[in-house]
Protein backbone atom coordinates (compact mmCIF):
# COMPACT_ATOMS: atom_id res chain seq x y z
CA UNK A 1 0.00 0.00 0.00
CA UNK A 2 1.58 3.24 -1.16
CA UNK A 3 0.57 6.11 1.08
CA UNK A 4 -0.28 9.05 -1.12
CA UNK A 5 -2.24 10.77 1.64
CA UNK A 6 0.50 11.50 4.17
CA UNK A 7 3.39 11.29 1.72
CA UNK A 8 4.04 13.35 -1.44
CA UNK A 9 3.90 10.41 -3.84
CA UNK A 10 2.82 11.52 -7.32
CA UNK A 11 1.23 9.13 -9.86
CA UNK A 12 4.50 9.19 -11.81
CA UNK A 13 6.53 8.19 -8.78
CA UNK A 14 3.92 5.59 -7.91
CA UNK A 15 4.26 4.00 -11.35
CA UNK A 16 7.89 3.11 -10.61
CA UNK A 17 6.86 1.66 -7.25
CA UNK A 18 4.17 -0.40 -9.00
CA UNK A 19 6.85 -1.73 -11.37
CA UNK A 20 9.03 -2.73 -8.44
CA UNK A 21 6.13 -4.52 -6.75
CA UNK A 22 5.13 -6.33 -9.94
CA UNK A 23 8.70 -7.53 -10.47
CA UNK A 24 8.41 -9.66 -7.32
CA UNK A 25 4.75 -10.61 -7.75
CA UNK A 26 3.32 -8.27 -5.11
CA UNK A 27 0.00 -6.54 -5.92
CA UNK A 28 0.28 -2.80 -5.29
CA UNK A 29 -2.47 -0.64 -3.84
CA UNK A 30 -2.50 3.06 -3.04
CA UNK A 31 -4.04 5.28 -0.41
CA UNK A 32 -4.99 8.42 -2.29
CA UNK A 33 -5.67 11.60 -0.38
CA UNK A 34 -8.10 13.11 -2.89
CA UNK A 35 -11.26 11.18 -3.67
CA UNK A 36 -11.71 12.47 -7.19
CA UNK A 37 -11.98 10.61 -10.47
CA UNK A 38 -9.15 12.48 -12.18
CA UNK A 39 -6.67 11.85 -9.35
CA UNK A 40 -7.64 8.21 -8.79
CA UNK A 41 -7.60 7.51 -12.54
CA UNK A 42 -3.92 8.44 -12.79
CA UNK A 43 -2.93 5.92 -10.11
CA UNK A 44 -5.19 3.21 -11.54
CA UNK A 45 -3.91 3.73 -15.09
CA UNK A 46 -0.33 3.59 -13.78
CA UNK A 47 -0.93 0.02 -12.56
CA UNK A 48 -2.58 0.22 -9.16
CA UNK A 49 -4.90 -2.72 -8.38
CA UNK A 50 -6.82 -1.06 -5.57
CA UNK A 51 -7.46 2.26 -3.90
CA UNK A 52 -7.96 3.23 -0.27
CA UNK A 53 -9.72 6.56 0.17
CA UNK A 54 -9.51 8.41 3.50
CA UNK A 55 -12.21 10.53 5.12
CA UNK A 56 -15.16 8.80 3.45
CA UNK A 57 -18.10 10.34 5.30
CA UNK A 58 -21.15 9.31 3.29
CA UNK A 59 -22.58 6.86 0.80
CA UNK A 60 -21.90 9.47 -1.87
CA UNK A 61 -18.20 9.55 -0.94
CA UNK A 62 -18.02 5.76 -1.13
CA UNK A 63 -19.84 5.71 -4.47
CA UNK A 64 -17.41 8.30 -5.85
CA UNK A 65 -14.52 5.96 -5.06
CA UNK A 66 -16.28 3.01 -6.69
CA UNK A 67 -17.05 5.08 -9.78
CA UNK A 68 -13.39 6.11 -10.06
CA UNK A 69 -11.95 2.62 -9.71
CA UNK A 70 -14.44 0.56 -11.70
CA UNK A 71 -15.22 0.65 -15.40
CA UNK A 72 -18.86 0.74 -16.61
CA UNK A 73 -21.32 -0.68 -15.86
CA UNK A 74 -20.02 -0.88 -12.26
CA UNK A 75 -18.42 2.57 -12.29
CA UNK A 76 -17.35 5.45 -14.49
CA UNK A 77 -13.64 4.90 -15.04
CA UNK A 78 -12.48 5.99 -18.48
CA UNK A 79 -11.03 3.34 -20.81
CA UNK A 80 -7.78 3.94 -22.66
CA UNK A 81 -4.57 2.15 -23.60
CA UNK A 82 -2.44 2.71 -20.49
CA UNK A 83 0.24 1.00 -18.46
CA UNK A 84 -2.37 -0.92 -16.45
CA UNK A 85 -3.47 -2.77 -19.60
CA UNK A 86 -0.04 -2.88 -21.28
CA UNK A 87 -1.12 0.02 -23.49
CA UNK A 88 -3.69 -2.19 -25.21
CA UNK A 89 -1.03 -4.40 -26.81
CA UNK A 90 -2.07 -7.68 -25.19
CA UNK A 91 -5.59 -7.95 -26.52
CA UNK A 92 -8.90 -6.13 -26.90
CA UNK A 93 -9.45 -3.38 -24.33
CA UNK A 94 -12.95 -4.70 -23.76
CA UNK A 95 -11.48 -7.85 -22.24
CA UNK A 96 -9.32 -5.74 -19.93
CA UNK A 97 -12.41 -3.89 -18.72
CA UNK A 98 -14.14 -6.97 -17.36
CA UNK A 99 -10.93 -8.39 -15.90
CA UNK A 100 -10.03 -5.12 -14.19
CA UNK A 101 -13.46 -4.78 -12.59
CA UNK A 102 -13.09 -8.25 -11.13
CA UNK A 103 -9.54 -7.74 -9.83
CA UNK A 104 -9.54 -4.21 -8.41
CA UNK A 105 -10.31 -3.29 -4.80
CA UNK A 106 -12.22 -0.34 -3.38
CA UNK A 107 -11.36 0.44 0.26
CA UNK A 108 -13.08 3.42 1.90
CA UNK A 109 -11.88 4.53 5.32
CA UNK A 110 -14.23 5.21 8.21
CA UNK A 111 -12.45 7.57 10.58
CA UNK A 112 -14.80 10.44 11.54
CA UNK A 113 -18.04 10.77 13.50
CA UNK A 114 -19.85 11.61 10.28
CA UNK A 115 -18.58 8.36 8.80
CA UNK A 116 -19.57 6.41 11.91
CA UNK A 117 -23.08 7.84 11.65
CA UNK A 118 -23.23 6.93 7.96
CA UNK A 119 -21.51 3.57 8.42
CA UNK A 120 -24.47 1.42 7.36
CA UNK A 121 -24.76 3.27 4.04
CA UNK A 122 -21.01 3.25 3.39
CA UNK A 123 -20.75 -0.46 4.13
CA UNK A 124 -23.74 -1.27 1.92
CA UNK A 125 -22.40 0.62 -1.12
CA UNK A 126 -22.19 -1.76 -4.07
CA UNK A 127 -18.62 -2.19 -5.24
CA UNK A 128 -17.00 -1.57 -1.87
CA UNK A 129 -14.79 -4.54 -0.94
CA UNK A 130 -13.02 -3.61 2.30
CA UNK A 131 -13.86 -1.05 4.99
CA UNK A 132 -10.74 0.29 6.67
CA UNK A 133 -11.15 1.60 10.21
CA UNK A 134 -8.47 4.19 10.98
CA UNK A 135 -7.71 4.00 14.72
CA UNK A 136 -5.72 7.24 14.95
CA UNK A 137 -8.34 9.46 13.32
CA UNK A 138 -11.10 7.61 15.18
CA UNK A 139 -9.31 8.44 18.41
CA UNK A 140 -9.51 12.12 17.47
CA UNK A 141 -13.18 11.82 16.51
CA UNK A 142 -14.01 10.04 19.77
CA UNK A 143 -12.31 12.63 21.97
CA UNK A 144 -9.17 10.70 22.91
CA UNK A 145 -6.69 12.04 20.33
CA UNK A 146 -3.60 9.91 19.82
CA UNK A 147 -4.90 7.11 22.05
CA UNK A 148 -5.55 4.58 19.31
CA UNK A 149 -5.79 1.74 21.85
CA UNK A 150 -8.19 3.51 24.18
CA UNK A 151 -11.12 1.24 25.01
CA UNK A 152 -13.61 3.55 23.33
CA UNK A 153 -11.64 3.26 20.08
CA UNK A 154 -11.28 -0.52 20.35
CA UNK A 155 -15.00 -0.87 21.06
CA UNK A 156 -15.91 1.28 18.05
CA UNK A 157 -13.72 -0.72 15.68
CA UNK A 158 -15.16 -3.97 17.00
CA UNK A 159 -18.76 -2.73 16.69
CA UNK A 160 -18.19 -1.52 13.13
CA UNK A 161 -16.46 -4.77 12.23
CA UNK A 162 -19.54 -6.74 13.22
CA UNK A 163 -21.61 -4.67 10.79
CA UNK A 164 -19.02 -5.07 8.04
CA UNK A 165 -18.82 -8.83 8.43
CA UNK A 166 -22.62 -9.09 8.56
CA UNK A 167 -22.71 -7.32 5.18
CA UNK A 168 -20.35 -9.93 3.71
CA UNK A 169 -17.41 -7.56 3.43
CA UNK A 170 -13.93 -7.35 4.93
CA UNK A 171 -12.91 -5.14 7.84
CA UNK A 172 -9.41 -3.73 8.13
CA UNK A 173 -7.25 -1.67 10.48
CA UNK A 174 -3.66 -1.02 11.58
CA UNK A 175 -1.62 -3.82 13.15
CA UNK A 176 1.76 -2.47 14.22
CA UNK A 177 2.93 -5.80 15.64
CA UNK A 178 1.94 -9.45 16.03
CA UNK A 179 0.07 -8.68 19.25
CA UNK A 180 -2.15 -6.16 17.43
CA UNK A 181 -2.62 -8.60 14.58
CA UNK A 182 -3.72 -11.43 16.87
CA UNK A 183 -6.08 -9.15 18.80
CA UNK A 184 -7.92 -7.99 15.68
CA UNK A 185 -7.71 -11.31 13.84
CA UNK A 186 -9.53 -12.93 16.75
CA UNK A 187 -12.28 -10.31 16.30
CA UNK A 188 -12.81 -11.10 12.65
CA UNK A 189 -10.75 -8.48 10.84
CA UNK A 190 -9.06 -9.66 7.66
CA UNK A 191 -7.15 -6.73 6.16
CA UNK A 192 -4.13 -5.19 7.91
CA UNK A 193 -1.65 -2.42 7.38
CA UNK A 194 1.50 -1.65 9.30
CA UNK A 195 4.17 0.96 8.62
CA UNK A 196 7.46 0.57 6.77
CA UNK A 197 9.03 3.37 8.84
CA UNK A 198 8.19 1.63 12.10
CA UNK A 199 9.36 -1.75 10.84
CA UNK A 200 12.72 -0.33 9.74
CA UNK A 201 13.13 1.65 12.97
CA UNK A 202 12.35 -1.38 15.14
CA UNK A 203 14.72 -3.61 13.15
CA UNK A 204 17.47 -1.00 13.41
CA UNK A 205 16.95 -0.60 17.13
CA UNK A 206 17.11 -4.36 17.66
CA UNK A 207 20.29 -4.58 15.59
CA UNK A 208 21.95 -1.80 17.60
CA UNK A 209 20.86 -3.39 20.88
CA UNK A 210 22.52 -6.66 19.87
CA UNK A 211 25.68 -4.91 18.65
CA UNK A 212 26.00 -2.93 21.89
CA UNK A 213 25.56 -6.17 23.86
CA UNK A 214 28.45 -7.67 21.91
CA UNK A 215 30.62 -4.63 22.64
CA UNK A 216 29.76 -4.74 26.36
CA UNK A 217 30.81 -8.38 26.47
CA UNK A 218 34.23 -7.82 24.87
């Protein structure tokens, strides 16, 4: 998942990241800060196989994301010969249309009180595959900013997850470590993000701890 919301990743830069992911068989998705057809189209045409849209506060917001990711009749994405379909050189574009609609993911984020209040409509939107529950922004919305593991936040994510699962869709959130993963996996969530920065920082810290221990023992 490329984070184009909190990082300045342009569609052109993302295309090179998509190439890198494809070279090792890893599907690449993108979180895109602007839920507009023109912005999302550039990432999709560059080779993205799914989009996560933050701050989805209504059924209309969710539908806008679906329309941007999916080709007709499921959405309104424009069809052209682009990198995502090998510039039309591998067969009729009409065949790409149906295949792309089947393979692409739409992932709205619920992370505000407005979104919580509209959760039933967002979850029920046709074409939505995964609902991502952002614990940090939910903590702000629920009056405990920065306390992503506050009980009120955990309870909200669990309550929303029950609705998501009941609708036959997948619930997702952040899992910074195996403990977080196990906690939410046991509660039915099936889509998880972590952070590359945190993973690298933790690995570096562990390496330095071990090196210092070696030095202290010399």
